[in-house]
Amino acid sequence: DKTQALIDAPSCSAEAKAAAEAWLAAVGTAD
């Protein structure tokens, strides 16, 4: 939930957004 809030925040940096999206994609995987 906090990760989605971060992604949706206008003040989120491109790097943080990319890391957040990569983390969400990796949840439940070996990565």
PDB file of all heavy atoms in Angstrom:
ATOM      1  N   ASP A   1       0.828  -1.212   0.000  1.00  0.00           N
ATOM      2  CA  ASP A   1       0.000   0.000   0.000  1.00  0.00           C
ATOM      3  C   ASP A   1       0.860   1.258   0.000  1.00  0.00           C
ATOM      4  O   ASP A   1       0.601   2.201  -0.764  1.00  0.00           O
ATOM      5  CB  ASP A   1      -0.930   0.018   1.211  1.00  0.00           C
ATOM      6  CG  ASP A   1      -2.027  -1.045   1.148  1.00  0.00           C
ATOM      7  OD1 ASP A   1      -2.251  -1.636   0.065  1.00  0.00           O
ATOM      8  OD2 ASP A   1      -2.647  -1.296   2.212  1.00  0.00           O
ATOM      9  N   LYS A   2       1.883   1.289   0.838  1.00  0.00           N
ATOM     10  CA  LYS A   2       2.769   2.458   0.889  1.00  0.00           C
ATOM     11  C   LYS A   2       3.573   2.583  -0.405  1.00  0.00           C
ATOM     12  O   LYS A   2       3.857   3.695  -0.861  1.00  0.00           O
ATOM     13  CB  LYS A   2       3.704   2.390   2.099  1.00  0.00           C
ATOM     14  CG  LYS A   2       2.995   2.501   3.421  1.00  0.00           C
ATOM     15  CD  LYS A   2       2.246   3.819   3.548  1.00  0.00           C
ATOM     16  CE  LYS A   2       1.517   3.929   4.870  1.00  0.00           C
ATOM     17  NZ  LYS A   2       0.744   5.174   4.964  1.00  0.00           N
ATOM     18  N   THR A   3       3.917   1.453  -0.995  1.00  0.00           N
ATOM     19  CA  THR A   3       4.640   1.468  -2.270  1.00  0.00           C
ATOM     20  C   THR A   3       3.769   2.066  -3.367  1.00  0.00           C
ATOM     21  O   THR A   3       4.242   2.881  -4.170  1.00  0.00           O
ATOM     22  CB  THR A   3       5.108   0.046  -2.630  1.00  0.00           C
ATOM     23  OG1 THR A   3       6.039  -0.386  -1.630  1.00  0.00           O
ATOM     24  CG2 THR A   3       5.765  -0.003  -3.997  1.00  0.00           C
ATOM     25  N   GLN A   4       2.497   1.705  -3.391  1.00  0.00           N
ATOM     26  CA  GLN A   4       1.596   2.279  -4.386  1.00  0.00           C
ATOM     27  C   GLN A   4       1.423   3.776  -4.153  1.00  0.00           C
ATOM     28  O   GLN A   4       1.394   4.562  -5.106  1.00  0.00           O
ATOM     29  CB  GLN A   4       0.236   1.578  -4.374  1.00  0.00           C
ATOM     30  CG  GLN A   4      -0.624   1.939  -5.567  1.00  0.00           C
ATOM     31  CD  GLN A   4       0.034   1.597  -6.894  1.00  0.00           C
ATOM     32  OE1 GLN A   4       0.433   0.465  -7.142  1.00  0.00           O
ATOM     33  NE2 GLN A   4       0.181   2.589  -7.767  1.00  0.00           N
ATOM     34  N   ALA A   5       1.344   4.182  -2.880  1.00  0.00           N
ATOM     35  CA  ALA A   5       1.256   5.609  -2.565  1.00  0.00           C
ATOM     36  C   ALA A   5       2.500   6.345  -3.058  1.00  0.00           C
ATOM     37  O   ALA A   5       2.409   7.454  -3.593  1.00  0.00           O
ATOM     38  CB  ALA A   5       1.072   5.806  -1.060  1.00  0.00           C
ATOM     39  N   LEU A   6       3.657   5.716  -2.904  1.00  0.00           N
ATOM     40  CA  LEU A   6       4.905   6.306  -3.395  1.00  0.00           C
ATOM     41  C   LEU A   6       4.862   6.468  -4.909  1.00  0.00           C
ATOM     42  O   LEU A   6       5.165   7.541  -5.437  1.00  0.00           O
ATOM     43  CB  LEU A   6       6.089   5.433  -2.983  1.00  0.00           C
ATOM     44  CG  LEU A   6       7.461   5.840  -3.519  1.00  0.00           C
ATOM     45  CD1 LEU A   6       7.877   7.191  -2.976  1.00  0.00           C
ATOM     46  CD2 LEU A   6       8.486   4.782  -3.175  1.00  0.00           C
ATOM     47  N   ILE A   7       4.487   5.416  -5.593  1.00  0.00           N
ATOM     48  CA  ILE A   7       4.419   5.457  -7.063  1.00  0.00           C
ATOM     49  C   ILE A   7       3.463   6.558  -7.526  1.00  0.00           C
ATOM     50  O   ILE A   7       3.745   7.262  -8.496  1.00  0.00           O
ATOM     51  CB  ILE A   7       3.993   4.081  -7.620  1.00  0.00           C
ATOM     52  CG1 ILE A   7       5.116   3.058  -7.414  1.00  0.00           C
ATOM     53  CG2 ILE A   7       3.586   4.174  -9.089  1.00  0.00           C
ATOM     54  CD1 ILE A   7       4.698   1.612  -7.650  1.00  0.00           C
ATOM     55  N   ASP A   8       2.346   6.710  -6.823  1.00  0.00           N
ATOM     56  CA  ASP A   8       1.326   7.690  -7.207  1.00  0.00           C
ATOM     57  C   ASP A   8       1.673   9.125  -6.829  1.00  0.00           C
ATOM     58  O   ASP A   8       1.047  10.060  -7.317  1.00  0.00           O
ATOM     59  CB  ASP A   8      -0.017   7.324  -6.559  1.00  0.00           C
ATOM     60  CG  ASP A   8      -0.594   6.020  -7.088  1.00  0.00           C
ATOM     61  OD1 ASP A   8      -0.176   5.552  -8.169  1.00  0.00           O
ATOM     62  OD2 ASP A   8      -1.472   5.446  -6.397  1.00  0.00           O
ATOM     63  N   ALA A   9       2.669   9.304  -5.964  1.00  0.00           N
ATOM     64  CA  ALA A   9       3.022  10.647  -5.487  1.00  0.00           C
ATOM     65  C   ALA A   9       3.687  11.467  -6.592  1.00  0.00           C
ATOM     66  O   ALA A   9       4.658  11.011  -7.198  1.00  0.00           O
ATOM     67  CB  ALA A   9       3.955  10.548  -4.281  1.00  0.00           C
ATOM     68  N   PRO A  10       3.196  12.666  -6.838  1.00  0.00           N
ATOM     69  CA  PRO A  10       3.820  13.521  -7.864  1.00  0.00           C
ATOM     70  C   PRO A  10       5.279  13.855  -7.546  1.00  0.00           C
ATOM     71  O   PRO A  10       6.065  14.117  -8.444  1.00  0.00           O
ATOM     72  CB  PRO A  10       2.973  14.793  -7.864  1.00  0.00           C
ATOM     73  CG  PRO A  10       1.735  14.473  -7.115  1.00  0.00           C
ATOM     74  CD  PRO A  10       2.018  13.291  -6.240  1.00  0.00           C
ATOM     75  N   SER A  11       5.635  13.825  -6.270  1.00  0.00           N
ATOM     76  CA  SER A  11       6.995  14.164  -5.858  1.00  0.00           C
ATOM     77  C   SER A  11       7.951  12.972  -5.869  1.00  0.00           C
ATOM     78  O   SER A  11       9.117  13.117  -5.509  1.00  0.00           O
ATOM     79  CB  SER A  11       6.965  14.794  -4.451  1.00  0.00           C
ATOM     80  OG  SER A  11       6.255  13.964  -3.548  1.00  0.00           O
ATOM     81  N   CYS A  12       7.482  11.812  -6.309  1.00  0.00           N
ATOM     82  CA  CYS A  12       8.326  10.615  -6.351  1.00  0.00           C
ATOM     83  C   CYS A  12       9.369  10.736  -7.468  1.00  0.00           C
ATOM     84  O   CYS A  12       9.033  11.073  -8.602  1.00  0.00           O
ATOM     85  CB  CYS A  12       7.457   9.379  -6.586  1.00  0.00           C
ATOM     86  SG  CYS A  12       8.359   7.820  -6.589  1.00  0.00           S
ATOM     87  N   SER A  13      10.610  10.437  -7.137  1.00  0.00           N
ATOM     88  CA  SER A  13      11.668  10.481  -8.150  1.00  0.00           C
ATOM     89  C   SER A  13      11.515   9.311  -9.117  1.00  0.00           C
ATOM     90  O   SER A  13      10.918   8.279  -8.786  1.00  0.00           O
ATOM     91  CB  SER A  13      13.046  10.406  -7.491  1.00  0.00           C
ATOM     92  OG  SER A  13      13.294   9.095  -6.992  1.00  0.00           O
ATOM     93  N   ALA A  14      12.082   9.467 -10.290  1.00  0.00           N
ATOM     94  CA  ALA A  14      12.032   8.393 -11.290  1.00  0.00           C
ATOM     95  C   ALA A  14      12.722   7.138 -10.777  1.00  0.00           C
ATOM     96  O   ALA A  14      12.252   6.014 -11.016  1.00  0.00           O
ATOM     97  CB  ALA A  14      12.671   8.867 -12.594  1.00  0.00           C
ATOM     98  N   GLU A  15      13.815   7.322 -10.046  1.00  0.00           N
ATOM     99  CA  GLU A  15      14.562   6.178  -9.524  1.00  0.00           C
ATOM    100  C   GLU A  15      13.758   5.419  -8.467  1.00  0.00           C
ATOM    101  O   GLU A  15      13.727   4.187  -8.465  1.00  0.00           O
ATOM    102  CB  GLU A  15      15.904   6.633  -8.924  1.00  0.00           C
ATOM    103  CG  GLU A  15      16.841   7.267  -9.920  1.00  0.00           C
ATOM    104  CD  GLU A  15      16.581   8.754 -10.161  1.00  0.00           C
ATOM    105  OE1 GLU A  15      15.722   9.367  -9.506  1.00  0.00           O
ATOM    106  OE2 GLU A  15      17.274   9.299 -11.050  1.00  0.00           O
ATOM    107  N   ALA A  16      13.111   6.154  -7.571  1.00  0.00           N
ATOM    108  CA  ALA A  16      12.303   5.507  -6.542  1.00  0.00           C
ATOM    109  C   ALA A  16      11.102   4.812  -7.166  1.00  0.00           C
ATOM    110  O   ALA A  16      10.738   3.699  -6.763  1.00  0.00           O
ATOM    111  CB  ALA A  16      11.846   6.527  -5.504  1.00  0.00           C
ATOM    112  N   LYS A  17      10.507   5.441  -8.150  1.00  0.00           N
ATOM    113  CA  LYS A  17       9.359   4.825  -8.827  1.00  0.00           C
ATOM    114  C   LYS A  17       9.774   3.524  -9.507  1.00  0.00           C
ATOM    115  O   LYS A  17       9.080   2.508  -9.407  1.00  0.00           O
ATOM    116  CB  LYS A  17       8.757   5.796  -9.839  1.00  0.00           C
ATOM    117  CG  LYS A  17       7.496   5.267 -10.491  1.00  0.00           C
ATOM    118  CD  LYS A  17       6.844   6.316 -11.380  1.00  0.00           C
ATOM    119  CE  LYS A  17       5.551   5.799 -11.935  1.00  0.00           C
ATOM    120  NZ  LYS A  17       4.816   6.820 -12.674  1.00  0.00           N
ATOM    121  N   ALA A  18      10.909   3.533 -10.181  1.00  0.00           N
ATOM    122  CA  ALA A  18      11.397   2.319 -10.857  1.00  0.00           C
ATOM    123  C   ALA A  18      11.692   1.224  -9.837  1.00  0.00           C
ATOM    124  O   ALA A  18      11.348   0.043 -10.061  1.00  0.00           O
ATOM    125  CB  ALA A  18      12.640   2.636 -11.686  1.00  0.00           C
ATOM    126  N   ALA A  19      12.309   1.572  -8.713  1.00  0.00           N
ATOM    127  CA  ALA A  19      12.613   0.589  -7.676  1.00  0.00           C
ATOM    128  C   ALA A  19      11.334   0.038  -7.066  1.00  0.00           C
ATOM    129  O   ALA A  19      11.233  -1.164  -6.790  1.00  0.00           O
ATOM    130  CB  ALA A  19      13.507   1.207  -6.610  1.00  0.00           C
ATOM    131  N   ALA A  20      10.354   0.894  -6.859  1.00  0.00           N
ATOM    132  CA  ALA A  20       9.071   0.466  -6.300  1.00  0.00           C
ATOM    133  C   ALA A  20       8.364  -0.499  -7.244  1.00  0.00           C
ATOM    134  O   ALA A  20       7.847  -1.539  -6.823  1.00  0.00           O
ATOM    135  CB  ALA A  20       8.189   1.690  -6.026  1.00  0.00           C
ATOM    136  N   GLU A  21       8.357  -0.156  -8.511  1.00  0.00           N
ATOM    137  CA  GLU A  21       7.710  -1.027  -9.494  1.00  0.00           C
ATOM    138  C   GLU A  21       8.438  -2.362  -9.617  1.00  0.00           C
ATOM    139  O   GLU A  21       7.798  -3.418  -9.733  1.00  0.00           O
ATOM    140  CB  GLU A  21       7.618  -0.318 -10.845  1.00  0.00           C
ATOM    141  CG  GLU A  21       6.612   0.827 -10.814  1.00  0.00           C
ATOM    142  CD  GLU A  21       6.637   1.718 -12.042  1.00  0.00           C
ATOM    143  OE1 GLU A  21       7.646   1.710 -12.792  1.00  0.00           O
ATOM    144  OE2 GLU A  21       5.646   2.451 -12.240  1.00  0.00           O
ATOM    145  N   ALA A  22       9.753  -2.338  -9.570  1.00  0.00           N
ATOM    146  CA  ALA A  22      10.538  -3.578  -9.639  1.00  0.00           C
ATOM    147  C   ALA A  22      10.272  -4.441  -8.410  1.00  0.00           C
ATOM    148  O   ALA A  22      10.149  -5.675  -8.516  1.00  0.00           O
ATOM    149  CB  ALA A  22      12.032  -3.266  -9.762  1.00  0.00           C
ATOM    150  N   TRP A  23      10.164  -3.800  -7.241  1.00  0.00           N
ATOM    151  CA  TRP A  23       9.880  -4.564  -6.030  1.00  0.00           C
ATOM    152  C   TRP A  23       8.495  -5.205  -6.111  1.00  0.00           C
ATOM    153  O   TRP A  23       8.342  -6.395  -5.833  1.00  0.00           O
ATOM    154  CB  TRP A  23       9.976  -3.681  -4.785  1.00  0.00           C
ATOM    155  CG  TRP A  23       9.644  -4.473  -3.550  1.00  0.00           C
ATOM    156  CD1 TRP A  23      10.459  -5.349  -2.896  1.00  0.00           C
ATOM    157  CD2 TRP A  23       8.396  -4.499  -2.875  1.00  0.00           C
ATOM    158  NE1 TRP A  23       9.779  -5.920  -1.839  1.00  0.00           N
ATOM    159  CE2 TRP A  23       8.512  -5.413  -1.800  1.00  0.00           C
ATOM    160  CE3 TRP A  23       7.176  -3.839  -3.053  1.00  0.00           C
ATOM    161  CZ2 TRP A  23       7.464  -5.682  -0.922  1.00  0.00           C
ATOM    162  CZ3 TRP A  23       6.138  -4.107  -2.170  1.00  0.00           C
ATOM    163  CH2 TRP A  23       6.295  -5.019  -1.122  1.00  0.00           C
ATOM    164  N   LEU A  24       7.498  -4.428  -6.517  1.00  0.00           N
ATOM    165  CA  LEU A  24       6.147  -4.988  -6.639  1.00  0.00           C
ATOM    166  C   LEU A  24       6.120  -6.176  -7.596  1.00  0.00           C
ATOM    167  O   LEU A  24       5.475  -7.190  -7.323  1.00  0.00           O
ATOM    168  CB  LEU A  24       5.155  -3.915  -7.109  1.00  0.00           C
ATOM    169  CG  LEU A  24       4.687  -2.917  -6.062  1.00  0.00           C
ATOM    170  CD1 LEU A  24       3.848  -1.828  -6.720  1.00  0.00           C
ATOM    171  CD2 LEU A  24       3.897  -3.608  -4.955  1.00  0.00           C
ATOM    172  N   ALA A  25       6.837  -6.053  -8.701  1.00  0.00           N
ATOM    173  CA  ALA A  25       6.874  -7.139  -9.689  1.00  0.00           C
ATOM    174  C   ALA A  25       7.572  -8.377  -9.135  1.00  0.00           C
ATOM    175  O   ALA A  25       7.279  -9.503  -9.561  1.00  0.00           O
ATOM    176  CB  ALA A  25       7.559  -6.666 -10.963  1.00  0.00           C
ATOM    177  N   ALA A  26       8.480  -8.191  -8.191  1.00  0.00           N
ATOM    178  CA  ALA A  26       9.257  -9.307  -7.653  1.00  0.00           C
ATOM    179  C   ALA A  26       8.585 -10.006  -6.468  1.00  0.00           C
ATOM    180  O   ALA A  26       8.994 -11.102  -6.093  1.00  0.00           O
ATOM    181  CB  ALA A  26      10.640  -8.817  -7.227  1.00  0.00           C
ATOM    182  N   VAL A  27       7.562  -9.375  -5.878  1.00  0.00           N
ATOM    183  CA  VAL A  27       6.891  -9.976  -4.719  1.00  0.00           C
ATOM    184  C   VAL A  27       6.370 -11.361  -5.106  1.00  0.00           C
ATOM    185  O   VAL A  27       5.728 -11.535  -6.129  1.00  0.00           O
ATOM    186  CB  VAL A  27       5.744  -9.082  -4.204  1.00  0.00           C
ATOM    187  CG1 VAL A  27       4.892  -9.815  -3.175  1.00  0.00           C
ATOM    188  CG2 VAL A  27       6.301  -7.795  -3.615  1.00  0.00           C
ATOM    189  N   GLY A  28       6.720 -12.331  -4.271  1.00  0.00           N
ATOM    190  CA  GLY A  28       6.271 -13.691  -4.502  1.00  0.00           C
ATOM    191  C   GLY A  28       7.138 -14.495  -5.453  1.00  0.00           C
ATOM    192  O   GLY A  28       6.827 -15.638  -5.773  1.00  0.00           O
ATOM    193  N   THR A  29       8.244 -13.902  -5.901  1.00  0.00           N
ATOM    194  CA  THR A  29       9.155 -14.595  -6.817  1.00  0.00           C
ATOM    195  C   THR A  29      10.482 -14.862  -6.115  1.00  0.00           C
ATOM    196  O   THR A  29      10.723 -14.374  -5.007  1.00  0.00           O
ATOM    197  CB  THR A  29       9.436 -13.766  -8.087  1.00  0.00           C
ATOM    198  OG1 THR A  29      10.282 -12.652  -7.739  1.00  0.00           O
ATOM    199  CG2 THR A  29       8.152 -13.255  -8.742  1.00  0.00           C
ATOM    200  N   ALA A  30      11.338 -15.572  -6.782  1.00  0.00           N
ATOM    201  CA  ALA A  30      12.673 -15.858  -6.241  1.00  0.00           C
ATOM    202  C   ALA A  30      13.514 -14.588  -6.108  1.00  0.00           C
ATOM    203  O   ALA A  30      14.494 -14.562  -5.358  1.00  0.00           O
ATOM    204  CB  ALA A  30      13.391 -16.868  -7.137  1.00  0.00           C
ATOM    205  N   ASP A  31      13.144 -13.540  -6.803  1.00  0.00           N
ATOM    206  CA  ASP A  31      13.888 -12.276  -6.771  1.00  0.00           C
ATOM    207  C   ASP A  31      13.436 -11.329  -5.652  1.00  0.00           C
ATOM    208  O   ASP A  31      14.017 -10.256  -5.474  1.00  0.00           O
ATOM    209  CB  ASP A  31      13.740 -11.545  -8.108  1.00  0.00           C
ATOM    210  CG  ASP A  31      14.379 -12.285  -9.255  1.00  0.00           C
ATOM    211  OD1 ASP A  31      15.342 -13.041  -9.013  1.00  0.00           O
ATOM    212  OD2 ASP A  31      13.905 -12.111 -10.395  1.00  0.00           O
TER     213      ASP A  31
END
